[in-house]
PDB file of N, CA and C in Angstrom:
ATOM      1  N   UNK A   1       3.102 146.654-168.479  1.00  0.00           N
ATOM      2  CA  UNK A   1       2.460 145.942-168.842  1.00  0.00           C
ATOM      3  C   UNK A   1       0.636 146.270-168.563  1.00  0.00           C
ATOM      4  N   UNK A   2       0.452 146.739-170.070  1.00  0.00           N
ATOM      5  CA  UNK A   2      -1.435 146.930-169.432  1.00  0.00           C
ATOM      6  C   UNK A   2      -2.119 145.298-169.167  1.00  0.00           C
ATOM      7  N   UNK A   3      -3.185 145.577-168.696  1.00  0.00           N
ATOM      8  CA  UNK A   3      -3.955 144.951-168.269  1.00  0.00           C
ATOM      9  C   UNK A   3      -4.275 144.055-169.044  1.00  0.00           C
ATOM     10  N   UNK A   4      -4.404 142.792-168.867  1.00  0.00           N
ATOM     11  CA  UNK A   4      -5.426 141.669-169.812  1.00  0.00           C
ATOM     12  C   UNK A   4      -6.735 141.338-169.248  1.00  0.00           C
ATOM     13  N   UNK A   5      -7.801 141.846-169.549  1.00  0.00           N
ATOM     14  CA  UNK A   5      -8.774 141.597-169.381  1.00  0.00           C
ATOM     15  C   UNK A   5      -9.829 139.982-169.837  1.00  0.00           C
ATOM     16  N   UNK A   6      -9.392 139.437-170.887  1.00  0.00           N
ATOM     17  CA  UNK A   6      -9.532 138.409-171.781  1.00  0.00           C
ATOM     18  C   UNK A   6     -11.004 138.507-172.077  1.00  0.00           C
ATOM     19  N   UNK A   7     -11.539 139.877-172.768  1.00  0.00           N
ATOM     20  CA  UNK A   7     -12.711 140.558-173.544  1.00  0.00           C
ATOM     21  C   UNK A   7     -13.098 138.914-174.043  1.00  0.00           C
ATOM     22  N   UNK A   8     -12.807 139.232-175.395  1.00  0.00           N
ATOM     23  CA  UNK A   8     -13.313 138.086-176.219  1.00  0.00           C
ATOM     24  C   UNK A   8     -13.242 137.000-175.655  1.00  0.00           C
ATOM     25  N   UNK A   9     -12.616 136.278-174.580  1.00  0.00           N
ATOM     26  CA  UNK A   9     -12.754 134.869-174.480  1.00  0.00           C
ATOM     27  C   UNK A   9     -13.798 134.474-173.796  1.00  0.00           C
ATOM     28  N   UNK A  10     -13.737 135.833-172.775  1.00  0.00           N
ATOM     29  CA  UNK A  10     -14.948 135.863-171.481  1.00  0.00           C
ATOM     30  C   UNK A  10     -16.157 136.013-172.207  1.00  0.00           C
ATOM     31  N   UNK A  11     -16.186 136.621-173.122  1.00  0.00           N
ATOM     32  CA  UNK A  11     -17.367 136.920-173.973  1.00  0.00           C
ATOM     33  C   UNK A  11     -17.744 135.502-174.662  1.00  0.00           C
ATOM     34  N   UNK A  12     -17.535 135.026-175.631  1.00  0.00           N
ATOM     35  CA  UNK A  12     -17.485 133.484-176.009  1.00  0.00           C
ATOM     36  C   UNK A  12     -18.293 132.648-174.913  1.00  0.00           C
ATOM     37  N   UNK A  13     -17.244 132.592-174.013  1.00  0.00           N
ATOM     38  CA  UNK A  13     -17.605 131.400-173.020  1.00  0.00           C
ATOM     39  C   UNK A  13     -18.771 131.896-172.705  1.00  0.00           C
ATOM     40  N   UNK A  14     -19.267 133.115-171.968  1.00  0.00           N
ATOM     41  CA  UNK A  14     -20.584 133.421-171.704  1.00  0.00           C
ATOM     42  C   UNK A  14     -21.883 133.051-173.038  1.00  0.00           C
ATOM     43  N   UNK A  15     -21.345 133.997-173.939  1.00  0.00           N
ATOM     44  CA  UNK A  15     -22.637 133.519-175.016  1.00  0.00           C
ATOM     45  C   UNK A  15     -22.886 132.270-175.392  1.00  0.00           C
ATOM     46  N   UNK A  16     -21.564 131.294-175.265  1.00  0.00           N
ATOM     47  CA  UNK A  16     -22.089 129.801-175.136  1.00  0.00           C
ATOM     48  C   UNK A  16     -23.161 129.366-174.492  1.00  0.00           C
ATOM     49  N   UNK A  17     -22.790 130.000-172.877  1.00  0.00           N
ATOM     50  CA  UNK A  17     -24.007 129.016-171.909  1.00  0.00           C
ATOM     51  C   UNK A  17     -25.090 129.782-172.250  1.00  0.00           C
ATOM     52  N   UNK A  18     -24.875 131.181-172.629  1.00  0.00           N
ATOM     53  CA  UNK A  18     -26.648 132.051-172.803  1.00  0.00           C
ATOM     54  C   UNK A  18     -27.413 131.192-173.924  1.00  0.00           C
ATOM     55  N   UNK A  19     -26.383 130.920-175.034  1.00  0.00           N
ATOM     56  CA  UNK A  19     -27.253 130.066-176.107  1.00  0.00           C
ATOM     57  C   UNK A  19     -28.130 128.938-175.436  1.00  0.00           C
ATOM     58  N   UNK A  20     -27.441 127.965-174.729  1.00  0.00           N
ATOM     59  CA  UNK A  20     -27.845 126.869-174.174  1.00  0.00           C
ATOM     60  C   UNK A  20     -29.183 127.018-173.316  1.00  0.00           C
ATOM     61  N   UNK A  21     -29.417 128.235-172.411  1.00  0.00           N
ATOM     62  CA  UNK A  21     -29.976 128.723-171.975  1.00  0.00           C
ATOM     63  C   UNK A  21     -31.608 129.440-172.834  1.00  0.00           C
ATOM     64  N   UNK A  22     -31.668 129.634-173.806  1.00  0.00           N
ATOM     65  CA  UNK A  22     -32.811 129.956-174.576  1.00  0.00           C
ATOM     66  C   UNK A  22     -33.872 129.420-174.383  1.00  0.00           C
ATOM     67  N   UNK A  23     -35.029 130.162-174.121  1.00  0.00           N
ATOM     68  CA  UNK A  23     -36.189 129.971-173.678  1.00  0.00           C
ATOM     69  C   UNK A  23     -36.643 129.856-172.192  1.00  0.00           C
ATOM     70  N   UNK A  24     -35.109 129.875-171.291  1.00  0.00           N
ATOM     71  CA  UNK A  24     -35.523 129.914-170.045  1.00  0.00           C
ATOM     72  C   UNK A  24     -36.348 131.219-169.553  1.00  0.00           C
ATOM     73  N   UNK A  25     -36.742 131.698-168.507  1.00  0.00           N
ATOM     74  CA  UNK A  25     -37.507 132.206-168.025  1.00  0.00           C
ATOM     75  C   UNK A  25     -36.800 133.541-167.007  1.00  0.00           C
ATOM     76  N   UNK A  26     -36.778 134.558-166.979  1.00  0.00           N
ATOM     77  CA  UNK A  26     -36.524 135.818-166.411  1.00  0.00           C
ATOM     78  C   UNK A  26     -34.718 135.916-166.480  1.00  0.00           C
ATOM     79  N   UNK A  27     -34.271 136.033-165.339  1.00  0.00           N
ATOM     80  CA  UNK A  27     -32.327 136.120-165.311  1.00  0.00           C
ATOM     81  C   UNK A  27     -32.083 134.940-165.705  1.00  0.00           C
ATOM     82  N   UNK A  28     -32.764 133.889-165.719  1.00  0.00           N
ATOM     83  CA  UNK A  28     -32.328 132.565-166.473  1.00  0.00           C
ATOM     84  C   UNK A  28     -31.832 132.499-167.586  1.00  0.00           C
ATOM     85  N   UNK A  29     -32.261 133.673-168.191  1.00  0.00           N
ATOM     86  CA  UNK A  29     -31.984 133.329-169.466  1.00  0.00           C
ATOM     87  C   UNK A  29     -30.649 134.430-170.248  1.00  0.00           C
ATOM     88  N   UNK A  30     -30.431 135.549-169.318  1.00  0.00           N
ATOM     89  CA  UNK A  30     -29.562 136.944-169.773  1.00  0.00           C
ATOM     90  C   UNK A  30     -28.918 137.258-168.476  1.00  0.00           C
ATOM     91  N   UNK A  31     -28.747 136.392-167.452  1.00  0.00           N
ATOM     92  CA  UNK A  31     -27.741 137.183-166.285  1.00  0.00           C
ATOM     93  C   UNK A  31     -26.840 135.801-166.231  1.00  0.00           C
ATOM     94  N   UNK A  32     -25.639 136.213-166.878  1.00  0.00           N
ATOM     95  CA  UNK A  32     -24.295 135.009-166.489  1.00  0.00           C
ATOM     96  C   UNK A  32     -24.489 134.206-165.577  1.00  0.00           C
ATOM     97  N   UNK A  33     -24.324 134.606-164.452  1.00  0.00           N
ATOM     98  CA  UNK A  33     -24.721 134.241-162.785  1.00  0.00           C
ATOM     99  C   UNK A  33     -25.603 133.129-162.918  1.00  0.00           C
ATOM    100  N   UNK A  34     -26.541 133.295-162.852  1.00  0.00           N
ATOM    101  CA  UNK A  34     -27.495 132.577-162.729  1.00  0.00           C
ATOM    102  C   UNK A  34     -28.285 131.615-164.029  1.00  0.00           C
ATOM    103  N   UNK A  35     -27.351 132.008-165.470  1.00  0.00           N
ATOM    104  CA  UNK A  35     -27.181 131.208-166.382  1.00  0.00           C
ATOM    105  C   UNK A  35     -26.402 129.711-166.026  1.00  0.00           C
ATOM    106  N   UNK A  36     -25.276 130.328-165.830  1.00  0.00           N
ATOM    107  CA  UNK A  36     -24.297 129.290-165.346  1.00  0.00           C
ATOM    108  C   UNK A  36     -24.863 128.332-164.201  1.00  0.00           C
ATOM    109  N   UNK A  37     -25.614 129.003-163.309  1.00  0.00           N
ATOM    110  CA  UNK A  37     -26.192 127.795-162.276  1.00  0.00           C
ATOM    111  C   UNK A  37     -27.077 126.489-163.319  1.00  0.00           C
ATOM    112  N   UNK A  38     -28.569 127.413-163.709  1.00  0.00           N
ATOM    113  CA  UNK A  38     -29.255 126.764-164.415  1.00  0.00           C
ATOM    114  C   UNK A  38     -28.936 125.612-165.214  1.00  0.00           C
ATOM    115  N   UNK A  39     -27.949 126.066-166.184  1.00  0.00           N
ATOM    116  CA  UNK A  39     -27.322 125.284-166.938  1.00  0.00           C
ATOM    117  C   UNK A  39     -26.931 123.865-167.163  1.00  0.00           C
ATOM    118  N   UNK A  40     -26.002 124.473-165.771  1.00  0.00           N
ATOM    119  CA  UNK A  40     -25.113 123.452-165.188  1.00  0.00           C
ATOM    120  C   UNK A  40     -26.416 122.413-164.651  1.00  0.00           C
ATOM    121  N   UNK A  41     -27.159 122.671-163.703  1.00  0.00           N
ATOM    122  CA  UNK A  41     -28.374 121.621-163.487  1.00  0.00           C
ATOM    123  C   UNK A  41     -29.012 120.915-164.610  1.00  0.00           C
ATOM    124  N   UNK A  42     -29.418 121.506-165.353  1.00  0.00           N
ATOM    125  CA  UNK A  42     -30.273 121.432-166.708  1.00  0.00           C
ATOM    126  C   UNK A  42     -29.738 120.064-167.198  1.00  0.00           C
ATOM    127  N   UNK A  43     -28.111 120.360-167.549  1.00  0.00           N
ATOM    128  CA  UNK A  43     -27.296 119.156-167.773  1.00  0.00           C
ATOM    129  C   UNK A  43     -27.019 117.902-167.006  1.00  0.00           C
ATOM    130  N   UNK A  44     -26.952 117.840-165.633  1.00  0.00           N
ATOM    131  CA  UNK A  44     -26.753 117.380-164.575  1.00  0.00           C
ATOM    132  C   UNK A  44     -27.902 116.127-164.712  1.00  0.00           C
ATOM    133  N   UNK A  45     -29.759 116.911-164.710  1.00  0.00           N
ATOM    134  CA  UNK A  45     -30.838 116.301-165.101  1.00  0.00           C
ATOM    135  C   UNK A  45     -30.599 115.507-166.489  1.00  0.00           C
ATOM    136  N   UNK A  46     -30.249 115.970-167.182  1.00  0.00           N
ATOM    137  CA  UNK A  46     -30.428 115.538-169.063  1.00  0.00           C
ATOM    138  C   UNK A  46     -29.180 114.529-168.690  1.00  0.00           C
ATOM    139  N   UNK A  47     -28.439 114.123-167.963  1.00  0.00           N
ATOM    140  CA  UNK A  47     -27.437 112.955-168.219  1.00  0.00           C
ATOM    141  C   UNK A  47     -27.995 112.084-167.535  1.00  0.00           C
ATOM    142  N   UNK A  48     -28.760 112.677-166.147  1.00  0.00           N
ATOM    143  CA  UNK A  48     -29.283 111.449-165.282  1.00  0.00           C
ATOM    144  C   UNK A  48     -30.261 110.838-166.033  1.00  0.00           C
ATOM    145  N   UNK A  49     -31.065 111.382-166.318  1.00  0.00           N
ATOM    146  CA  UNK A  49     -32.539 111.149-166.935  1.00  0.00           C
ATOM    147  C   UNK A  49     -32.386 110.371-168.276  1.00  0.00           C
ATOM    148  N   UNK A  50     -31.183 110.551-169.185  1.00  0.00           N
ATOM    149  CA  UNK A  50     -30.690 109.660-170.343  1.00  0.00           C
ATOM    150  C   UNK A  50     -30.943 108.284-170.036  1.00  0.00           C
ATOM    151  N   UNK A  51     -30.357 107.891-168.430  1.00  0.00           N
ATOM    152  CA  UNK A  51     -29.899 106.437-167.972  1.00  0.00           C
ATOM    153  C   UNK A  51     -31.515 106.402-166.904  1.00  0.00           C
ATOM    154  N   UNK A  52     -32.040 107.357-166.992  1.00  0.00           N
ATOM    155  CA  UNK A  52     -33.334 107.168-166.204  1.00  0.00           C
ATOM    156  C   UNK A  52     -34.634 106.735-167.398  1.00  0.00           C
ATOM    157  N   UNK A  53     -34.146 106.647-168.673  1.00  0.00           N
ATOM    158  CA  UNK A  53     -35.467 106.737-169.557  1.00  0.00           C
ATOM    159  C   UNK A  53     -35.221 105.433-170.022  1.00  0.00           C
ATOM    160  N   UNK A  54     -34.038 104.921-169.864  1.00  0.00           N
ATOM    161  CA  UNK A  54     -33.738 102.764-170.483  1.00  0.00           C
ATOM    162  C   UNK A  54     -34.482 102.509-169.119  1.00  0.00           C
ATOM    163  N   UNK A  55     -34.220 102.651-168.089  1.00  0.00           N
ATOM    164  CA  UNK A  55     -35.344 102.057-166.799  1.00  0.00           C
ATOM    165  C   UNK A  55     -36.730 102.172-166.414  1.00  0.00           C
ATOM    166  N   UNK A  56     -36.845 103.348-167.469  1.00  0.00           N
ATOM    167  CA  UNK A  56     -38.605 103.768-167.053  1.00  0.00           C
ATOM    168  C   UNK A  56     -39.229 102.928-168.403  1.00  0.00           C
ATOM    169  N   UNK A  57     -38.392 102.817-169.432  1.00  0.00           N
ATOM    170  CA  UNK A  57     -39.129 101.941-170.754  1.00  0.00           C
ATOM    171  C   UNK A  57     -38.900 100.531-170.144  1.00  0.00           C
ATOM    172  N   UNK A  58     -38.052 100.178-170.082  1.00  0.00           N
ATOM    173  CA  UNK A  58     -37.823  98.551-169.448  1.00  0.00           C
ATOM    174  C   UNK A  58     -38.960  98.002-168.668  1.00  0.00           C
ATOM    175  N   UNK A  59     -39.585  99.174-167.529  1.00  0.00           N
ATOM    176  CA  UNK A  59     -40.621  98.929-166.488  1.00  0.00           C
ATOM    177  C   UNK A  59     -41.654  99.008-167.155  1.00  0.00           C
ATOM    178  N   UNK A  60     -41.923  99.532-168.897  1.00  0.00           N
ATOM    179  CA  UNK A  60     -42.922  99.653-168.930  1.00  0.00           C
ATOM    180  C   UNK A  60     -43.333  98.741-169.818  1.00  0.00           C
ATOM    181  N   UNK A  61     -42.479  97.784-170.660  1.00  0.00           N
ATOM    182  CA  UNK A  61     -42.206  97.035-171.354  1.00  0.00           C
ATOM    183  C   UNK A  61     -42.842  95.773-170.624  1.00  0.00           C
ATOM    184  N   UNK A  62     -42.107  95.621-169.517  1.00  0.00           N
ATOM    185  CA  UNK A  62     -42.699  94.479-168.373  1.00  0.00           C
ATOM    186  C   UNK A  62     -44.372  94.602-168.140  1.00  0.00           C
ATOM    187  N   UNK A  63     -44.532  95.872-167.783  1.00  0.00           N
ATOM    188  CA  UNK A  63     -45.932  95.932-167.057  1.00  0.00           C
ATOM    189  C   UNK A  63     -46.646  95.344-168.194  1.00  0.00           C
ATOM    190  N   UNK A  64     -46.623  95.709-169.681  1.00  0.00           N
ATOM    191  CA  UNK A  64     -47.401  95.434-171.117  1.00  0.00           C
ATOM    192  C   UNK A  64     -47.384  93.942-171.518  1.00  0.00           C
ATOM    193  N   UNK A  65     -46.325  93.493-171.029  1.00  0.00           N
ATOM    194  CA  UNK A  65     -46.096  91.798-171.044  1.00  0.00           C
ATOM    195  C   UNK A  65     -46.451  90.968-169.989  1.00  0.00           C
ATOM    196  N   UNK A  66     -46.190  91.548-169.137  1.00  0.00           N
ATOM    197  CA  UNK A  66     -47.449  90.621-167.646  1.00  0.00           C
ATOM    198  C   UNK A  66     -48.831  91.028-167.889  1.00  0.00           C
ATOM    199  N   UNK A  67     -48.865  92.049-168.633  1.00  0.00           N
ATOM    200  CA  UNK A  67     -50.652  92.062-168.845  1.00  0.00           C
ATOM    201  C   UNK A  67     -51.377  91.093-169.627  1.00  0.00           C
ATOM    202  N   UNK A  68     -50.509  91.012-170.824  1.00  0.00           N
ATOM    203  CA  UNK A  68     -50.869  90.661-172.118  1.00  0.00           C
ATOM    204  C   UNK A  68     -50.662  89.052-171.241  1.00  0.00           C
ATOM    205  N   UNK A  69     -50.010  88.388-171.011  1.00  0.00           N
ATOM    206  CA  UNK A  69     -49.217  87.585-170.874  1.00  0.00           C
ATOM    207  C   UNK A  69     -50.523  86.734-169.927  1.00  0.00           C
ATOM    208  N   UNK A  70     -51.025  87.714-168.759  1.00  0.00           N
ATOM    209  CA  UNK A  70     -51.899  87.043-167.975  1.00  0.00           C
ATOM    210  C   UNK A  70     -53.514  86.956-168.316  1.00  0.00           C
ATOM    211  N   UNK A  71     -53.786  87.548-169.550  1.00  0.00           N
ATOM    212  CA  UNK A  71     -54.774  87.519-170.134  1.00  0.00           C
ATOM    213  C   UNK A  71     -54.503  86.181-171.131  1.00  0.00           C
ATOM    214  N   UNK A  72     -53.543  85.218-170.942  1.00  0.00           N
ATOM    215  CA  UNK A  72     -53.373  84.234-171.460  1.00  0.00           C
ATOM    216  C   UNK A  72     -52.958  82.755-170.611  1.00  0.00           C
ATOM    217  N   UNK A  73     -53.550  83.458-169.726  1.00  0.00           N
ATOM    218  CA  UNK A  73     -53.108  82.446-168.488  1.00  0.00           C
ATOM    219  C   UNK A  73     -51.591  82.339-167.840  1.00  0.00           C
ATOM    220  N   UNK A  74     -51.084  82.952-167.863  1.00  0.00           N
ATOM    221  CA  UNK A  74     -49.564  82.634-167.369  1.00  0.00           C
ATOM    222  C   UNK A  74     -48.758  84.301-166.922  1.00  0.00           C
ATOM    223  N   UNK A  75     -48.185  83.964-166.098  1.00  0.00           N
ATOM    224  CA  UNK A  75     -47.670  85.240-165.220  1.00  0.00           C
ATOM    225  C   UNK A  75     -46.195  85.690-166.237  1.00  0.00           C
ATOM    226  N   UNK A  76     -45.753  86.968-165.779  1.00  0.00           N
ATOM    227  CA  UNK A  76     -44.702  87.318-166.514  1.00  0.00           C
ATOM    228  C   UNK A  76     -43.464  86.491-166.348  1.00  0.00           C
ATOM    229  N   UNK A  77     -42.979  86.217-165.109  1.00  0.00           N
ATOM    230  CA  UNK A  77     -42.153  85.611-164.996  1.00  0.00           C
ATOM    231  C   UNK A  77     -41.971  84.255-165.513  1.00  0.00           C
ATOM    232  N   UNK A  78     -43.352  83.124-165.352  1.00  0.00           N
ATOM    233  CA  UNK A  78     -42.706  82.174-166.047  1.00  0.00           C
ATOM    234  C   UNK A  78     -43.016  82.172-167.096  1.00  0.00           C
ATOM    235  N   UNK A  79     -43.887  82.867-167.461  1.00  0.00           N
ATOM    236  CA  UNK A  79     -43.523  83.450-169.655  1.00  0.00           C
ATOM    237  C   UNK A  79     -42.295  83.639-170.017  1.00  0.00           C
ATOM    238  N   UNK A  80     -41.312  84.290-169.486  1.00  0.00           N
ATOM    239  CA  UNK A  80     -40.101  84.585-169.522  1.00  0.00           C
ATOM    240  C   UNK A  80     -39.327  83.505-169.297  1.00  0.00           C
ATOM    241  N   UNK A  81     -39.434  82.929-168.242  1.00  0.00           N
ATOM    242  CA  UNK A  81     -39.111  81.510-168.335  1.00  0.00           C
ATOM    243  C   UNK A  81     -38.842  80.646-168.956  1.00  0.00           C
ATOM    244  N   UNK A  82     -40.582  80.415-169.496  1.00  0.00           N
ATOM    245  CA  UNK A  82     -40.557  79.654-170.481  1.00  0.00           C
ATOM    246  C   UNK A  82     -40.213  79.775-171.930  1.00  0.00           C
ATOM    247  N   UNK A  83     -40.430  81.030-172.057  1.00  0.00           N
ATOM    248  CA  UNK A  83     -39.596  81.477-173.548  1.00  0.00           C
ATOM    249  C   UNK A  83     -37.768  81.394-173.643  1.00  0.00           C
ATOM    250  N   UNK A  84     -37.430  81.262-172.245  1.00  0.00           N
ATOM    251  CA  UNK A  84     -35.818  81.214-172.680  1.00  0.00           C
ATOM    252  C   UNK A  84     -35.749  79.462-172.230  1.00  0.00           C
ATOM    253  N   UNK A  85     -36.346  78.864-172.191  1.00  0.00           N
ATOM    254  CA  UNK A  85     -36.119  77.632-171.980  1.00  0.00           C
ATOM    255  C   UNK A  85     -36.051  76.673-173.131  1.00  0.00           C
ATOM    256  N   UNK A  86     -37.522  77.792-174.216  1.00  0.00           N
ATOM    257  CA  UNK A  86     -37.293  77.434-175.254  1.00  0.00           C
ATOM    258  C   UNK A  86     -36.768  78.174-176.475  1.00  0.00           C
ATOM    259  N   UNK A  87     -35.450  78.719-175.957  1.00  0.00           N
ATOM    260  CA  UNK A  87     -34.783  79.670-177.146  1.00  0.00           C
ATOM    261  C   UNK A  87     -35.199  80.920-177.656  1.00  0.00           C
ATOM    262  N   UNK A  88     -36.341  81.121-177.396  1.00  0.00           N
ATOM    263  CA  UNK A  88     -36.801  82.136-178.117  1.00  0.00           C
ATOM    264  C   UNK A  88     -35.825  83.743-177.497  1.00  0.00           C
ATOM    265  N   UNK A  89     -35.266  84.327-178.457  1.00  0.00           N
ATOM    266  CA  UNK A  89     -34.942  85.505-177.573  1.00  0.00           C
ATOM    267  C   UNK A  89     -35.170  86.537-177.793  1.00  0.00           C
ATOM    268  N   UNK A  90     -36.253  86.702-177.906  1.00  0.00           N
ATOM    269  CA  UNK A  90     -36.978  88.165-178.028  1.00  0.00           C
ATOM    270  C   UNK A  90     -36.879  89.388-176.689  1.00  0.00           C
ATOM    271  N   UNK A  91     -36.372  90.184-177.579  1.00  0.00           N
ATOM    272  CA  UNK A  91     -36.270  91.476-175.810  1.00  0.00           C
ATOM    273  C   UNK A  91     -37.385  92.071-175.819  1.00  0.00           C
ATOM    274  N   UNK A  92     -37.926  92.497-174.750  1.00  0.00           N
ATOM    275  CA  UNK A  92     -38.857  93.086-174.033  1.00  0.00           C
ATOM    276  C   UNK A  92     -39.571  93.699-174.939  1.00  0.00           C
ATOM    277  N   UNK A  93     -38.887  94.655-175.682  1.00  0.00           N
ATOM    278  CA  UNK A  93     -39.592  95.814-176.374  1.00  0.00           C
ATOM    279  C   UNK A  93     -40.544  95.150-177.636  1.00  0.00           C
ATOM    280  N   UNK A  94     -39.585  94.102-178.112  1.00  0.00           N
ATOM    281  CA  UNK A  94     -40.762  93.696-178.912  1.00  0.00           C
ATOM    282  C   UNK A  94     -41.387  92.935-178.635  1.00  0.00           C
ATOM    283  N   UNK A  95     -41.092  91.788-177.324  1.00  0.00           N
ATOM    284  CA  UNK A  95     -42.836  91.435-177.187  1.00  0.00           C
ATOM    285  C   UNK A  95     -43.805  92.249-176.338  1.00  0.00           C
ATOM    286  N   UNK A  96     -43.339  93.578-176.094  1.00  0.00           N
ATOM    287  CA  UNK A  96     -44.449  94.102-175.573  1.00  0.00           C
ATOM    288  C   UNK A  96     -45.016  94.671-176.952  1.00  0.00           C
ATOM    289  N   UNK A  97     -44.674  95.248-177.716  1.00  0.00           N
ATOM    290  CA  UNK A  97     -44.867  95.543-179.536  1.00  0.00           C
ATOM    291  C   UNK A  97     -45.586  94.686-179.874  1.00  0.00           C
ATOM    292  N   UNK A  98     -45.817  93.475-179.641  1.00  0.00           N
ATOM    293  CA  UNK A  98     -46.407  92.423-180.055  1.00  0.00           C
ATOM    294  C   UNK A  98     -47.497  92.247-179.250  1.00  0.00           C
ATOM    295  N   UNK A  99     -47.574  92.487-177.753  1.00  0.00           N
ATOM    296  CA  UNK A  99     -48.551  92.329-177.028  1.00  0.00           C
ATOM    297  C   UNK A  99     -49.650  93.280-177.311  1.00  0.00           C
ATOM    298  N   UNK A 100     -49.405  94.229-177.503  1.00  0.00           N
ATOM    299  CA  UNK A 100     -50.218  95.524-177.915  1.00  0.00           C
ATOM    300  C   UNK A 100     -50.669  95.202-179.395  1.00  0.00           C
ATOM    301  N   UNK A 101     -49.636  95.387-180.485  1.00  0.00           N
ATOM    302  CA  UNK A 101     -50.098  95.101-181.478  1.00  0.00           C
ATOM    303  C   UNK A 101     -50.752  93.943-182.668  1.00  0.00           C
ATOM    304  N   UNK A 102     -49.869  92.905-182.013  1.00  0.00           N
ATOM    305  CA  UNK A 102     -50.613  91.402-182.658  1.00  0.00           C
ATOM    306  C   UNK A 102     -50.516  90.096-181.297  1.00  0.00           C
ATOM    307  N   UNK A 103     -51.643  90.664-181.076  1.00  0.00           N
ATOM    308  CA  UNK A 103     -52.074  89.955-179.938  1.00  0.00           C
ATOM    309  C   UNK A 103     -52.136  88.116-180.146  1.00  0.00           C
ATOM    310  N   UNK A 104     -52.510  87.849-181.536  1.00  0.00           N
ATOM    311  CA  UNK A 104     -52.799  86.547-182.097  1.00  0.00           C
ATOM    312  C   UNK A 104     -51.110  85.987-181.770  1.00  0.00           C
ATOM    313  N   UNK A 105     -50.022  86.575-182.482  1.00  0.00           N
ATOM    314  CA  UNK A 105     -48.962  86.154-182.331  1.00  0.00           C
ATOM    315  C   UNK A 105     -48.256  85.883-181.028  1.00  0.00           C
ATOM    316  N   UNK A 106     -48.744  86.585-180.342  1.00  0.00           N
ATOM    317  CA  UNK A 106     -48.005  86.475-178.610  1.00  0.00           C
ATOM    318  C   UNK A 106     -48.797  85.649-177.907  1.00  0.00           C
ATOM    319  N   UNK A 107     -50.127  85.265-178.164  1.00  0.00           N
ATOM    320  CA  UNK A 107     -50.791  83.876-177.676  1.00  0.00           C
ATOM    321  C   UNK A 107     -50.048  82.889-178.091  1.00  0.00           C
ATOM    322  N   UNK A 108     -49.795  82.589-179.351  1.00  0.00           N
ATOM    323  CA  UNK A 108     -48.805  81.573-179.675  1.00  0.00           C
ATOM    324  C   UNK A 108     -47.716  81.443-179.189  1.00  0.00           C
ATOM    325  N   UNK A 109     -46.740  82.756-178.803  1.00  0.00           N
ATOM    326  CA  UNK A 109     -45.231  82.712-177.860  1.00  0.00           C
ATOM    327  C   UNK A 109     -46.086  82.087-176.529  1.00  0.00           C
ATOM    328  N   UNK A 110     -46.902  82.696-175.915  1.00  0.00           N
ATOM    329  CA  UNK A 110     -47.186  82.195-174.579  1.00  0.00           C
ATOM    330  C   UNK A 110     -47.757  80.638-174.530  1.00  0.00           C
ATOM    331  N   UNK A 111     -48.223  79.843-175.748  1.00  0.00           N
ATOM    332  CA  UNK A 111     -48.364  78.920-175.717  1.00  0.00           C
ATOM    333  C   UNK A 111     -47.213  77.766-175.461  1.00  0.00           C
ATOM    334  N   UNK A 112     -45.627  78.166-176.692  1.00  0.00           N
ATOM    335  CA  UNK A 112     -44.815  78.173-176.359  1.00  0.00           C
ATOM    336  C   UNK A 112     -44.415  77.714-174.965  1.00  0.00           C
ATOM    337  N   UNK A 113     -44.520  78.782-174.430  1.00  0.00           N
ATOM    338  CA  UNK A 113     -43.728  78.828-173.024  1.00  0.00           C
ATOM    339  C   UNK A 113     -44.067  78.089-172.417  1.00  0.00           C
ATOM    340  N   UNK A 114     -45.860  77.561-172.382  1.00  0.00           N
ATOM    341  CA  UNK A 114     -46.296  76.839-171.594  1.00  0.00           C
ATOM    342  C   UNK A 114     -46.297  75.643-171.782  1.00  0.00           C
ATOM    343  N   UNK A 115     -45.560  75.174-173.266  1.00  0.00           N
ATOM    344  CA  UNK A 115     -45.294  73.340-173.181  1.00  0.00           C
ATOM    345  C   UNK A 115     -44.020  73.373-172.927  1.00  0.00           C
ATOM    346  N   UNK A 116     -43.080  74.367-172.789  1.00  0.00           N
ATOM    347  CA  UNK A 116     -41.967  74.507-172.451  1.00  0.00           C
ATOM    348  C   UNK A 116     -41.798  74.198-170.719  1.00  0.00           C
ATOM    349  N   UNK A 117     -42.657  74.367-170.055  1.00  0.00           N
ATOM    350  CA  UNK A 117     -42.790  74.769-168.865  1.00  0.00           C
ATOM    351  C   UNK A 117     -43.452  73.595-167.883  1.00  0.00           C
ATOM    352  N   UNK A 118     -43.824  72.641-169.357  1.00  0.00           N
ATOM    353  CA  UNK A 118     -44.915  71.548-168.382  1.00  0.00           C
ATOM    354  C   UNK A 118     -43.713  70.373-168.712  1.00  0.00           C
TER     355      UNK A 118
END
């Protein structure tokens, strides 16, 4: 029985990974062993950073909300606590957007939060 080297399937598997390595530098784009290492690591980073991105944006929104709330005489935690007591359920993304683009509406929210804290 002749030896089967699996040429077609191996080549197809290699080409799939080499296609993912498009744009990489040097051996990282055309030597399969290097491609495999690099692409595997890139996929790990991509998986990790999809989760990290959510944390980063939440931190950014908190910083923006805090800065805008302090301009209106309240800190972040008291502002968020006052909104919760008032039953206003706007998420941080929307609040941060209001703080930047609609400061007068945001200041009204701060007044509502202050009233709930009294």
